[in-house]
C-alpha atoms as a PDB file:
ATOM      1  CA  MET A   1      46.893   8.784  21.263  1.00  0.00           C
ATOM      2  CA  ALA A   2      44.191   9.757  24.328  1.00  0.00           C
ATOM      3  CA  LEU A   3      46.115  12.434  25.391  1.00  0.00           C
ATOM      4  CA  THR A   4      46.640  14.314  21.853  1.00  0.00           C
ATOM      5  CA  ILE A   5      42.585  13.454  20.714  1.00  0.00           C
ATOM      6  CA  PHE A   6      41.533  15.290  24.191  1.00  0.00           C
ATOM      7  CA  THR A   7      43.452  18.711  23.530  1.00  0.00           C
ATOM      8  CA  ILE A   8      42.574  18.666  19.640  1.00  0.00           C
ATOM      9  CA  GLY A   9      38.690  18.301  21.038  1.00  0.00           C
ATOM     10  CA  ALA A  10      38.926  20.840  23.653  1.00  0.00           C
ATOM     11  CA  VAL A  11      40.798  23.455  21.362  1.00  0.00           C
ATOM     12  CA  ALA A  12      37.938  22.730  18.066  1.00  0.00           C
ATOM     13  CA  GLY A  13      35.432  22.793  20.873  1.00  0.00           C
ATOM     14  CA  CYS A  14      36.517  26.194  22.244  1.00  0.00           C
ATOM     15  CA  LEU A  15      37.119  27.657  18.291  1.00  0.00           C
ATOM     16  CA  VAL A  16      33.527  26.208  16.942  1.00  0.00           C
ATOM     17  CA  PHE A  17      31.894  27.668  20.436  1.00  0.00           C
ATOM     18  CA  TYR A  18      33.941  30.989  19.913  1.00  0.00           C
ATOM     19  CA  TYR A  19      32.843  31.508  15.774  1.00  0.00           C
ATOM     20  CA  LEU A  20      29.168  29.972  16.409  1.00  0.00           C
ATOM     21  CA  LEU A  21      28.339  31.750  19.598  1.00  0.00           C
ATOM     22  CA  PRO A  22      30.445  35.169  20.562  1.00  0.00           C
ATOM     23  CA  PRO A  23      30.910  36.679  22.516  1.00  0.00           C
ATOM     24  CA  PHE A  24      32.774  33.711  24.834  1.00  0.00           C
ATOM     25  CA  TYR A  25      33.578  33.016  28.076  1.00  0.00           C
ATOM     26  CA  LEU A  26      35.910  30.436  29.594  1.00  0.00           C
ATOM     27  CA  ASP A  27      34.635  30.174  33.594  1.00  0.00           C
ATOM     28  CA  LEU A  28      36.234  27.017  35.218  1.00  0.00           C
ATOM     29  CA  GLY A  29      34.541  27.909  38.385  1.00  0.00           C
ATOM     30  CA  SER A  30      35.240  26.075  41.320  1.00  0.00           C
ATOM     31  CA  ILE A  31      37.208  23.416  39.424  1.00  0.00           C
ATOM     32  CA  ASP A  32      40.866  23.787  40.993  1.00  0.00           C
ATOM     33  CA  LEU A  33      44.607  22.624  38.747  1.00  0.00           C
ATOM     34  CA  PHE A  34      43.775  19.536  40.670  1.00  0.00           C
ATOM     35  CA  GLU A  35      40.758  18.274  39.682  1.00  0.00           C
ATOM     36  CA  PHE A  36      41.881  19.406  35.716  1.00  0.00           C
ATOM     37  CA  PHE A  37      44.372  17.094  35.759  1.00  0.00           C
ATOM     38  CA  CYS A  38      42.134  14.054  37.545  1.00  0.00           C
ATOM     39  CA  THR A  39      39.838  14.568  34.515  1.00  0.00           C
ATOM     40  CA  ILE A  40      42.889  14.106  31.403  1.00  0.00           C
ATOM     41  CA  PHE A  41      44.495  11.296  33.759  1.00  0.00           C
ATOM     42  CA  ALA A  42      41.544   9.635  33.690  1.00  0.00           C
ATOM     43  CA  ALA A  43      40.808  10.465  29.782  1.00  0.00           C
ATOM     44  CA  VAL A  44      44.488   8.480  29.657  1.00  0.00           C
ATOM     45  CA  ILE A  45      43.459   5.154  31.934  1.00  0.00           C
ATOM     46  CA  ILE A  46      40.459   4.926  29.392  1.00  0.00           C
ATOM     47  CA  GLY A  47      42.060   5.942  26.300  1.00  0.00           C
ATOM     48  CA  GLY A  48      44.837   3.478  27.643  1.00  0.00           C
ATOM     49  CA  LEU A  49      42.414   0.600  28.313  1.00  0.00           C
ATOM     50  CA  PHE A  50      41.021   0.984  24.656  1.00  0.00           C
ATOM     51  CA  SER A  51      44.447   0.383  23.959  1.00  0.00           C
ATOM     52  CA  TYR A  52      45.162  -2.875  25.678  1.00  0.00           C
ATOM     53  CA  LYS A  53      42.287  -4.276  24.458  1.00  0.00           C
ATOM     54  CA  LYS A  54      43.578  -3.715  20.927  1.00  0.00           C
ATOM     55  CA  GLU A  55      46.470  -5.116  21.593  1.00  0.00           C
ATOM     56  CA  ASN A  56      45.619  -8.106  23.116  1.00  0.00           C
ATOM     57  CA  ILE A  57      43.526  -8.813  19.885  1.00  0.00           C
ATOM     58  CA  GLN A  58      46.054  -8.616  17.683  1.00  0.00           C
ATOM     59  CA  LYS A  59      48.372 -10.764  19.935  1.00  0.00           C
ATOM     60  CA  ILE A  60      45.503 -13.454  20.213  1.00  0.00           C
ATOM     61  CA  LYS A  61      44.701 -13.300  16.616  1.00  0.00           C
ATOM     62  CA  GLN A  62      48.676 -14.069  16.116  1.00  0.00           C
ATOM     63  CA  GLN A  63      48.774 -16.854  17.750  1.00  0.00           C
ATOM     64  CA  SER A  64      46.094 -18.043  16.253  1.00  0.00           C
ATOM     65  CA  LEU A  65      47.081 -17.500  13.355  1.00  0.00           C
ATOM     66  CA  LYS A  66      50.094 -19.246  14.243  1.00  0.00           C
ATOM     67  CA  MET A  67      48.805 -22.500  15.346  1.00  0.00           C
ATOM     68  CA  GLN A  68      46.953 -22.888  11.666  1.00  0.00           C
ATOM     69  CA  ALA A  69      49.829 -22.197  10.243  1.00  0.00           C
ATOM     70  CA  ALA A  70      51.705 -25.183  11.868  1.00  0.00           C
ATOM     71  CA  ALA A  71      49.005 -26.844  11.881  1.00  0.00           C
ATOM     72  CA  ILE A  72      48.857 -26.966   8.150  1.00  0.00           C
ATOM     73  CA  ALA A  73      52.548 -26.968   7.875  1.00  0.00           C
ATOM     74  CA  HIS A  74      52.228 -30.407  10.222  1.00  0.00           C
ATOM     75  CA  GLU A  75      50.043 -31.754   7.463  1.00  0.00           C
ATOM     76  CA  MET A  76      50.574 -30.539   4.429  1.00  0.00           C
ATOM     77  CA  ARG A  77      54.571 -31.449   4.418  1.00  0.00           C
ATOM     78  CA  THR A  78      53.869 -35.044   4.446  1.00  0.00           C
ATOM     79  CA  PRO A  79      51.849 -35.734   1.529  1.00  0.00           C
ATOM     80  CA  LEU A  80      54.823 -33.350  -0.537  1.00  0.00           C
ATOM     81  CA  ALA A  81      56.835 -35.172   0.404  1.00  0.00           C
ATOM     82  CA  ALA A  82      55.776 -38.131  -1.328  1.00  0.00           C
ATOM     83  CA  ILE A  83      55.030 -36.544  -4.185  1.00  0.00           C
ATOM     84  CA  SER A  84      58.429 -35.765  -4.151  1.00  0.00           C
ATOM     85  CA  HIS A  85      59.605 -39.103  -3.917  1.00  0.00           C
ATOM     86  CA  LEU A  86      57.419 -40.282  -6.404  1.00  0.00           C
ATOM     87  CA  ALA A  87      58.767 -37.672  -8.819  1.00  0.00           C
ATOM     88  CA  ASP A  88      62.278 -39.078  -8.168  1.00  0.00           C
ATOM     89  CA  GLY A  89      61.585 -41.920  -9.320  1.00  0.00           C
ATOM     90  CA  LEU A  90      59.880 -41.284 -12.224  1.00  0.00           C
ATOM     91  CA  LYS A  91      62.475 -39.650 -13.575  1.00  0.00           C
ATOM     92  CA  ILE A  92      64.681 -42.310 -12.776  1.00  0.00           C
ATOM     93  CA  ASN A  93      62.630 -45.171 -14.509  1.00  0.00           C
ATOM     94  CA  LEU A  94      59.957 -43.407 -16.369  1.00  0.00           C
ATOM     95  CA  PRO A  95      62.702 -42.254 -19.463  1.00  0.00           C
ATOM     96  CA  ILE A  96      63.321 -45.736 -19.767  1.00  0.00           C
ATOM     97  CA  LEU A  97      59.768 -46.889 -20.126  1.00  0.00           C
ATOM     98  CA  ILE A  98      59.157 -43.941 -22.730  1.00  0.00           C
ATOM     99  CA  ASP A  99      61.794 -45.510 -25.103  1.00  0.00           C
ATOM    100  CA  THR A 100      61.532 -48.761 -24.719  1.00  0.00           C
ATOM    101  CA  GLN A 101      57.827 -47.507 -26.085  1.00  0.00           C
ATOM    102  CA  GLN A 102      59.282 -46.001 -28.656  1.00  0.00           C
ATOM    103  CA  THR A 103      61.865 -48.196 -30.004  1.00  0.00           C
ATOM    104  CA  ALA A 104      58.872 -50.381 -30.296  1.00  0.00           C
ATOM    105  CA  GLN A 105      56.063 -48.533 -31.911  1.00  0.00           C
ATOM    106  CA  ASP A 106      58.952 -48.099 -34.604  1.00  0.00           C
ATOM    107  CA  LYS A 107      59.594 -51.943 -34.984  1.00  0.00           C
ATOM    108  CA  ASP A 108      56.157 -52.861 -34.183  1.00  0.00           C
ATOM    109  CA  GLU A 109      52.651 -51.288 -36.028  1.00  0.00           C
ATOM    110  CA  SER A 110      50.660 -53.479 -33.810  1.00  0.00           C
ATOM    111  CA  VAL A 111      52.074 -51.919 -30.108  1.00  0.00           C
ATOM    112  CA  THR A 112      48.878 -49.263 -29.204  1.00  0.00           C
ATOM    113  CA  TYR A 113      50.697 -45.873 -30.791  1.00  0.00           C
ATOM    114  CA  VAL A 114      51.253 -42.916 -28.495  1.00  0.00           C
ATOM    115  CA  HIS A 115      51.752 -39.352 -29.822  1.00  0.00           C
ATOM    116  CA  LYS A 116      55.553 -38.202 -29.494  1.00  0.00           C
ATOM    117  CA  SER A 117      53.862 -35.234 -27.983  1.00  0.00           C
ATOM    118  CA  GLN A 118      52.159 -37.055 -25.867  1.00  0.00           C
ATOM    119  CA  LEU A 119      55.092 -38.860 -24.739  1.00  0.00           C
ATOM    120  CA  GLN A 120      57.330 -35.607 -24.262  1.00  0.00           C
ATOM    121  CA  TYR A 121      54.472 -34.608 -21.722  1.00  0.00           C
ATOM    122  CA  LEU A 122      54.786 -37.960 -19.808  1.00  0.00           C
ATOM    123  CA  GLU A 123      58.706 -37.205 -19.664  1.00  0.00           C
ATOM    124  CA  ASP A 124      58.124 -33.727 -18.489  1.00  0.00           C
ATOM    125  CA  THR A 125      55.701 -34.577 -15.427  1.00  0.00           C
ATOM    126  CA  PRO A 126      58.747 -35.448 -12.748  1.00  0.00           C
ATOM    127  CA  THR A 127      59.987 -31.491 -13.484  1.00  0.00           C
ATOM    128  CA  GLU A 128      56.586 -30.675 -13.377  1.00  0.00           C
ATOM    129  CA  LEU A 129      55.944 -32.297  -9.940  1.00  0.00           C
ATOM    130  CA  GLU A 130      58.950 -31.294  -8.570  1.00  0.00           C
ATOM    131  CA  ALA A 131      58.542 -27.534  -9.282  1.00  0.00           C
ATOM    132  CA  VAL A 132      54.860 -27.626  -7.777  1.00  0.00           C
ATOM    133  CA  THR A 133      56.025 -29.322  -4.704  1.00  0.00           C
ATOM    134  CA  LYS A 134      58.565 -26.963  -4.240  1.00  0.00           C
ATOM    135  CA  SER A 135      56.818 -24.136  -5.106  1.00  0.00           C
ATOM    136  CA  ALA A 136      54.481 -25.889  -2.070  1.00  0.00           C
ATOM    137  CA  PHE A 137      57.245 -25.960   0.002  1.00  0.00           C
ATOM    138  CA  ILE A 138      58.464 -22.145  -0.078  1.00  0.00           C
ATOM    139  CA  VAL A 139      54.428 -21.011   0.768  1.00  0.00           C
ATOM    140  CA  ILE A 140      54.580 -22.867   3.741  1.00  0.00           C
ATOM    141  CA  ASP A 141      57.947 -21.705   4.560  1.00  0.00           C
ATOM    142  CA  MET A 142      57.187 -18.194   3.844  1.00  0.00           C
ATOM    143  CA  LEU A 143      53.688 -17.965   6.383  1.00  0.00           C
ATOM    144  CA  LEU A 144      56.059 -19.442   8.811  1.00  0.00           C
ATOM    145  CA  MET A 145      58.913 -17.579   8.354  1.00  0.00           C
ATOM    146  CA  ASN A 146      56.359 -14.458   8.004  1.00  0.00           C
ATOM    147  CA  LEU A 147      55.500 -15.028  11.744  1.00  0.00           C
ATOM    148  CA  ARG A 148      58.107 -15.203  13.587  1.00  0.00           C
ATOM    149  CA  GLU A 149      58.275 -12.169  16.138  1.00  0.00           C
ATOM    150  CA  ASN A 150      61.650 -11.826  17.242  1.00  0.00           C
ATOM    151  CA  PRO A 151      64.232 -11.849  14.050  1.00  0.00           C
ATOM    152  CA  SER A 152      67.141 -10.454  16.624  1.00  0.00           C
ATOM    153  CA  GLU A 153      68.508 -14.170  17.284  1.00  0.00           C
ATOM    154  CA  ALA A 154      69.134 -14.684  13.984  1.00  0.00           C
ATOM    155  CA  VAL A 155      73.159 -14.571  13.373  1.00  0.00           C
ATOM    156  CA  LEU A 156      74.034 -11.559  11.054  1.00  0.00           C
ATOM    157  CA  GLU A 157      76.826 -11.856   8.801  1.00  0.00           C
ATOM    158  CA  LYS A 158      78.424 -10.090   5.694  1.00  0.00           C
ATOM    159  CA  HIS A 159      76.673 -10.361   2.469  1.00  0.00           C
ATOM    160  CA  SER A 160      77.072  -9.305  -0.901  1.00  0.00           C
ATOM    161  CA  ILE A 161      73.470  -7.945  -2.013  1.00  0.00           C
ATOM    162  CA  LEU A 162      74.073  -8.844  -5.593  1.00  0.00           C
ATOM    163  CA  ASP A 163      74.331 -13.026  -4.546  1.00  0.00           C
ATOM    164  CA  CYS A 164      71.094 -12.856  -1.604  1.00  0.00           C
ATOM    165  CA  VAL A 165      68.846 -11.826  -4.621  1.00  0.00           C
ATOM    166  CA  LYS A 166      70.090 -14.213  -7.000  1.00  0.00           C
ATOM    167  CA  ASN A 167      70.289 -17.155  -4.351  1.00  0.00           C
ATOM    168  CA  ALA A 168      66.119 -15.647  -3.316  1.00  0.00           C
ATOM    169  CA  LEU A 169      65.529 -15.692  -7.649  1.00  0.00           C
ATOM    170  CA  GLU A 170      67.480 -19.118  -7.925  1.00  0.00           C
ATOM    171  CA  ALA A 171      65.703 -20.614  -4.576  1.00  0.00           C
ATOM    172  CA  TYR A 172      62.349 -19.274  -5.930  1.00  0.00           C
ATOM    173  CA  ALA A 173      60.231 -21.727  -7.870  1.00  0.00           C
ATOM    174  CA  LEU A 174      59.992 -19.406 -10.648  1.00  0.00           C
ATOM    175  CA  THR A 175      58.449 -20.620 -13.659  1.00  0.00           C
ATOM    176  CA  LYS A 176      59.933 -19.626 -17.220  1.00  0.00           C
ATOM    177  CA  ARG A 177      57.170 -17.182 -17.853  1.00  0.00           C
ATOM    178  CA  GLU A 178      57.844 -16.053 -14.438  1.00  0.00           C
ATOM    179  CA  LYS A 179      61.647 -15.505 -15.046  1.00  0.00           C
ATOM    180  CA  ALA A 180      61.074 -13.778 -18.499  1.00  0.00           C
ATOM    181  CA  LEU A 181      59.483 -10.938 -16.290  1.00  0.00           C
ATOM    182  CA  ILE A 182      62.590 -10.260 -13.653  1.00  0.00           C
ATOM    183  CA  SER A 183      65.304  -7.648 -14.527  1.00  0.00           C
ATOM    184  CA  LEU A 184      68.366  -7.597 -12.806  1.00  0.00           C
ATOM    185  CA  GLY A 185      70.462  -4.575 -13.307  1.00  0.00           C
ATOM    186  CA  ILE A 186      72.232  -4.329 -10.222  1.00  0.00           C
ATOM    187  CA  ALA A 187      75.593  -2.351 -11.281  1.00  0.00           C
ATOM    188  CA  GLU A 188      77.001  -1.324  -7.781  1.00  0.00           C
ATOM    189  CA  ASP A 189      77.395  -4.449  -5.594  1.00  0.00           C
ATOM    190  CA  PHE A 190      77.512  -3.235  -1.856  1.00  0.00           C
ATOM    191  CA  GLU A 191      78.249  -5.125   1.408  1.00  0.00           C
ATOM    192  CA  ILE A 192      75.365  -5.955   3.960  1.00  0.00           C
ATOM    193  CA  LYS A 193      75.370  -7.255   7.442  1.00  0.00           C
ATOM    194  CA  ALA A 194      72.186  -9.287   7.309  1.00  0.00           C
ATOM    195  CA  ASN A 195      71.065 -13.537   8.103  1.00  0.00           C
ATOM    196  CA  SER A 196      70.805 -14.730   4.515  1.00  0.00           C
ATOM    197  CA  HIS A 197      67.948 -17.409   5.300  1.00  0.00           C
ATOM    198  CA  LEU A 198      65.419 -13.844   6.664  1.00  0.00           C
ATOM    199  CA  LEU A 199      66.949 -11.809   4.177  1.00  0.00           C
ATOM    200  CA  LYS A 200      65.878 -14.807   1.514  1.00  0.00           C
ATOM    201  CA  HIS A 201      62.524 -14.623   2.944  1.00  0.00           C
ATOM    202  CA  VAL A 202      62.170 -10.545   2.555  1.00  0.00           C
ATOM    203  CA  PHE A 203      62.512 -11.277  -1.435  1.00  0.00           C
ATOM    204  CA  PHE A 204      60.160 -14.263  -1.774  1.00  0.00           C
ATOM    205  CA  ASN A 205      57.320 -11.577   0.191  1.00  0.00           C
ATOM    206  CA  LEU A 206      58.324  -9.216  -2.819  1.00  0.00           C
ATOM    207  CA  LEU A 207      58.212 -11.772  -5.412  1.00  0.00           C
ATOM    208  CA  LYS A 208      55.314 -13.447  -4.196  1.00  0.00           C
ATOM    209  CA  ASN A 209      53.076 -10.233  -4.231  1.00  0.00           C
ATOM    210  CA  SER A 210      54.563  -8.394  -7.598  1.00  0.00           C
ATOM    211  CA  LEU A 211      53.745 -11.871  -9.254  1.00  0.00           C
ATOM    212  CA  HIS A 212      50.618 -11.754  -8.501  1.00  0.00           C
ATOM    213  CA  TYR A 213      49.666  -8.687  -8.980  1.00  0.00           C
ATOM    214  CA  ILE A 214      50.962  -8.809 -12.307  1.00  0.00           C
ATOM    215  CA  LYS A 215      49.413 -11.834 -13.115  1.00  0.00           C
ATOM    216  CA  ALA A 216      45.853 -10.085 -11.915  1.00  0.00           C
ATOM    217  CA  VAL A 217      46.117  -7.750 -14.634  1.00  0.00           C
ATOM    218  CA  ARG A 218      47.969  -9.686 -17.264  1.00  0.00           C
ATOM    219  CA  LYS A 219      51.244  -6.768 -17.685  1.00  0.00           C
ATOM    220  CA  GLY A 220      54.066  -5.620 -15.902  1.00  0.00           C
ATOM    221  CA  LYS A 221      57.760  -7.027 -15.130  1.00  0.00           C
ATOM    222  CA  ILE A 222      59.449  -6.383 -12.404  1.00  0.00           C
ATOM    223  CA  VAL A 223      63.077  -4.392 -12.156  1.00  0.00           C
ATOM    224  CA  ILE A 224      65.735  -4.890  -9.600  1.00  0.00           C
ATOM    225  CA  TRP A 225      68.589  -2.396  -8.879  1.00  0.00           C
ATOM    226  CA  THR A 226      71.188  -0.935  -6.605  1.00  0.00           C
ATOM    227  CA  GLU A 227      71.727   2.442  -5.240  1.00  0.00           C
ATOM    228  CA  LYS A 228      75.371   3.205  -3.510  1.00  0.00           C
ATOM    229  CA  GLY A 229      75.507   6.410  -0.793  1.00  0.00           C
ATOM    230  CA  GLU A 230      77.481   7.741   1.742  1.00  0.00           C
ATOM    231  CA  GLN A 231      75.459   6.470   4.519  1.00  0.00           C
ATOM    232  CA  VAL A 232      72.821   4.133   3.065  1.00  0.00           C
ATOM    233  CA  ASN A 233      72.826   1.893   0.467  1.00  0.00           C
ATOM    234  CA  LYS A 234      69.491   0.583  -1.749  1.00  0.00           C
ATOM    235  CA  LEU A 235      67.500  -1.399  -3.402  1.00  0.00           C
ATOM    236  CA  TYR A 236      64.840  -1.052  -5.390  1.00  0.00           C
ATOM    237  CA  PHE A 237      62.109  -3.712  -6.083  1.00  0.00           C
ATOM    238  CA  LYS A 238      59.547  -2.510  -8.305  1.00  0.00           C
ATOM    239  CA  ASP A 239      56.766  -3.741 -10.208  1.00  0.00           C
ATOM    240  CA  THR A 240      54.560  -2.131 -13.464  1.00  0.00           C
ATOM    241  CA  GLY A 241      51.427  -3.955 -12.422  1.00  0.00           C
ATOM    242  CA  LYS A 242      48.376  -3.709 -10.232  1.00  0.00           C
ATOM    243  CA  GLY A 243      49.953  -0.869  -8.282  1.00  0.00           C
ATOM    244  CA  ILE A 244      48.520   0.159  -4.985  1.00  0.00           C
ATOM    245  CA  SER A 245      45.892   2.598  -4.377  1.00  0.00           C
ATOM    246  CA  LYS A 246      46.293   5.768  -2.315  1.00  0.00           C
ATOM    247  CA  GLU A 247      43.717   4.549   0.454  1.00  0.00           C
ATOM    248  CA  SER A 248      45.886   1.275   1.554  1.00  0.00           C
ATOM    249  CA  LEU A 249      49.457   2.401   0.756  1.00  0.00           C
ATOM    250  CA  PRO A 250      50.221   4.296   4.353  1.00  0.00           C
ATOM    251  CA  TYR A 251      48.799   0.325   5.921  1.00  0.00           C
ATOM    252  CA  VAL A 252      50.667  -1.710   4.009  1.00  0.00           C
ATOM    253  CA  PHE A 253      53.505  -2.714   6.542  1.00  0.00           C
ATOM    254  CA  ASN A 254      50.571  -2.993   9.052  1.00  0.00           C
ATOM    255  CA  GLN A 255      50.455  -6.552  10.519  1.00  0.00           C
ATOM    256  CA  PHE A 256      47.001  -8.041   9.596  1.00  0.00           C
ATOM    257  CA  TYR A 257      46.510  -5.440   6.554  1.00  0.00           C
ATOM    258  CA  SER A 258      45.850  -7.275   3.540  1.00  0.00           C
ATOM    259  CA  ARG A 259      44.186  -5.691   0.051  1.00  0.00           C
ATOM    260  CA  THR A 260      43.182  -9.257  -1.016  1.00  0.00           C
ATOM    261  CA  ASP A 261      41.149 -12.525   0.382  1.00  0.00           C
ATOM    262  CA  HIS A 262      44.296 -14.992  -0.159  1.00  0.00           C
ATOM    263  CA  GLY A 263      46.778 -12.447   1.438  1.00  0.00           C
ATOM    264  CA  THR A 264      47.178 -12.689   5.722  1.00  0.00           C
ATOM    265  CA  GLY A 265      48.515  -9.526   5.915  1.00  0.00           C
ATOM    266  CA  VAL A 266      51.644 -10.174   7.573  1.00  0.00           C
ATOM    267  CA  GLY A 267      54.171 -10.612   4.873  1.00  0.00           C
ATOM    268  CA  LEU A 268      55.081  -6.972   4.381  1.00  0.00           C
ATOM    269  CA  ALA A 269      55.450  -6.200   7.963  1.00  0.00           C
ATOM    270  CA  PHE A 270      57.926  -9.029   8.366  1.00  0.00           C
ATOM    271  CA  CYS A 271      59.980  -7.128   5.633  1.00  0.00           C
ATOM    272  CA  LYS A 272      59.685  -4.387   8.026  1.00  0.00           C
ATOM    273  CA  MET A 273      60.773  -6.143  11.314  1.00  0.00           C
ATOM    274  CA  VAL A 274      63.817  -7.503   9.742  1.00  0.00           C
ATOM    275  CA  LEU A 275      65.016  -4.534   7.865  1.00  0.00           C
ATOM    276  CA  GLN A 276      64.663  -2.958  11.029  1.00  0.00           C
ATOM    277  CA  HIS A 277      66.491  -5.488  13.056  1.00  0.00           C
ATOM    278  CA  LEU A 278      69.693  -4.752  10.252  1.00  0.00           C
ATOM    279  CA  GLY A 279      69.278  -1.248  11.765  1.00  0.00           C
ATOM    280  CA  GLY A 280      67.741  -0.228   8.110  1.00  0.00           C
ATOM    281  CA  ASP A 281      64.162  -0.053   6.862  1.00  0.00           C
ATOM    282  CA  ILE A 282      62.057  -0.811   3.491  1.00  0.00           C
ATOM    283  CA  THR A 283      59.139   1.903   2.074  1.00  0.00           C
ATOM    284  CA  CYS A 284      56.168   1.635  -0.673  1.00  0.00           C
ATOM    285  CA  ASP A 285      56.017   4.279  -3.902  1.00  0.00           C
ATOM    286  CA  SER A 286      52.768   3.615  -5.920  1.00  0.00           C
ATOM    287  CA  ILE A 287      50.602   4.578  -8.452  1.00  0.00           C
ATOM    288  CA  GLU A 288      47.335   2.702  -9.021  1.00  0.00           C
ATOM    289  CA  GLY A 289      47.664   1.216 -12.445  1.00  0.00           C
ATOM    290  CA  GLU A 290      51.078   2.234 -12.961  1.00  0.00           C
ATOM    291  CA  PHE A 291      53.410   1.026 -10.982  1.00  0.00           C
ATOM    292  CA  THR A 292      54.198  -0.624  -7.469  1.00  0.00           C
ATOM    293  CA  GLN A 293      58.353   0.566  -6.074  1.00  0.00           C
ATOM    294  CA  PHE A 294      59.830  -1.160  -2.304  1.00  0.00           C
ATOM    295  CA  THR A 295      62.820   0.712  -1.645  1.00  0.00           C
ATOM    296  CA  LEU A 296      65.186  -1.209   1.211  1.00  0.00           C
ATOM    297  CA  ILE A 297      67.939   0.711   3.113  1.00  0.00           C
ATOM    298  CA  PHE A 298      70.816  -0.742   4.307  1.00  0.00           C
ATOM    299  CA  PRO A 299      73.512   0.738   6.417  1.00  0.00           C
ATOM    300  CA  VAL A 300      76.515   0.992   4.766  1.00  0.00           C
ATOM    301  CA  LEU A 301      79.504  -0.908   7.024  1.00  0.00           C
ATOM    302  CA  LYS A 302      82.490   0.818   8.074  1.00  0.00           C
END
């Protein structure tokens, strides 16, 4: 990069001088070839030092984020697990109490009356608590998974892409309203060689982003479909929500690049890393205000 910038700058300087102050003569004087290459080498060394510093800062930032994520996960899992156990207990005992209250109300007018809608709300509360805790656990798992540096350690096995997508949709804590936004149109199923756990988190990241931006603009839906080819197979993941600006689009897969205050900038970078490890890739096309489409590319299994 430093050598490229040096060359472009030198050529641009010569052209500007030539057109603004003719005639143009290039007189190197007593500079020999060895000194010329020494100058270029020095420029490359300086550029390399800046590059190393930037890379080192990124590693420190990533390590710091990992430590924070691990601390958050440790602190949050314990109370979430307690809430989940309480919800299990409520699911067993609360319906009995509600039936008892309903029976007592029907037989004895002196019993404090509780409206049926309130009793129904109480009965649904354990299920809602389970959904909330499940969603929180998924967010924690996603954050920790996205910070993994080396997916090559994961075992790869053959899977159906349709099964992988369905399993991810079932595992993600979707509300009824969110489920209604998703249209699964996989007419052409194909086999992939992947780690199902890592791939599930790729779909989790795409779902999380799409649902967030659909809610932000209060419009849109998610469509998932496939396309089979001779060399590669493709899975398309499209939402018609907010879209991505032209300025941000080239950088969406860069690590720690985020367009929002709530994002960490590691989710899509993780998706890119996983797909490339499988011998494929992931690309993004978008028009701001109209749609965002991710294309997951998988090599055809021989």
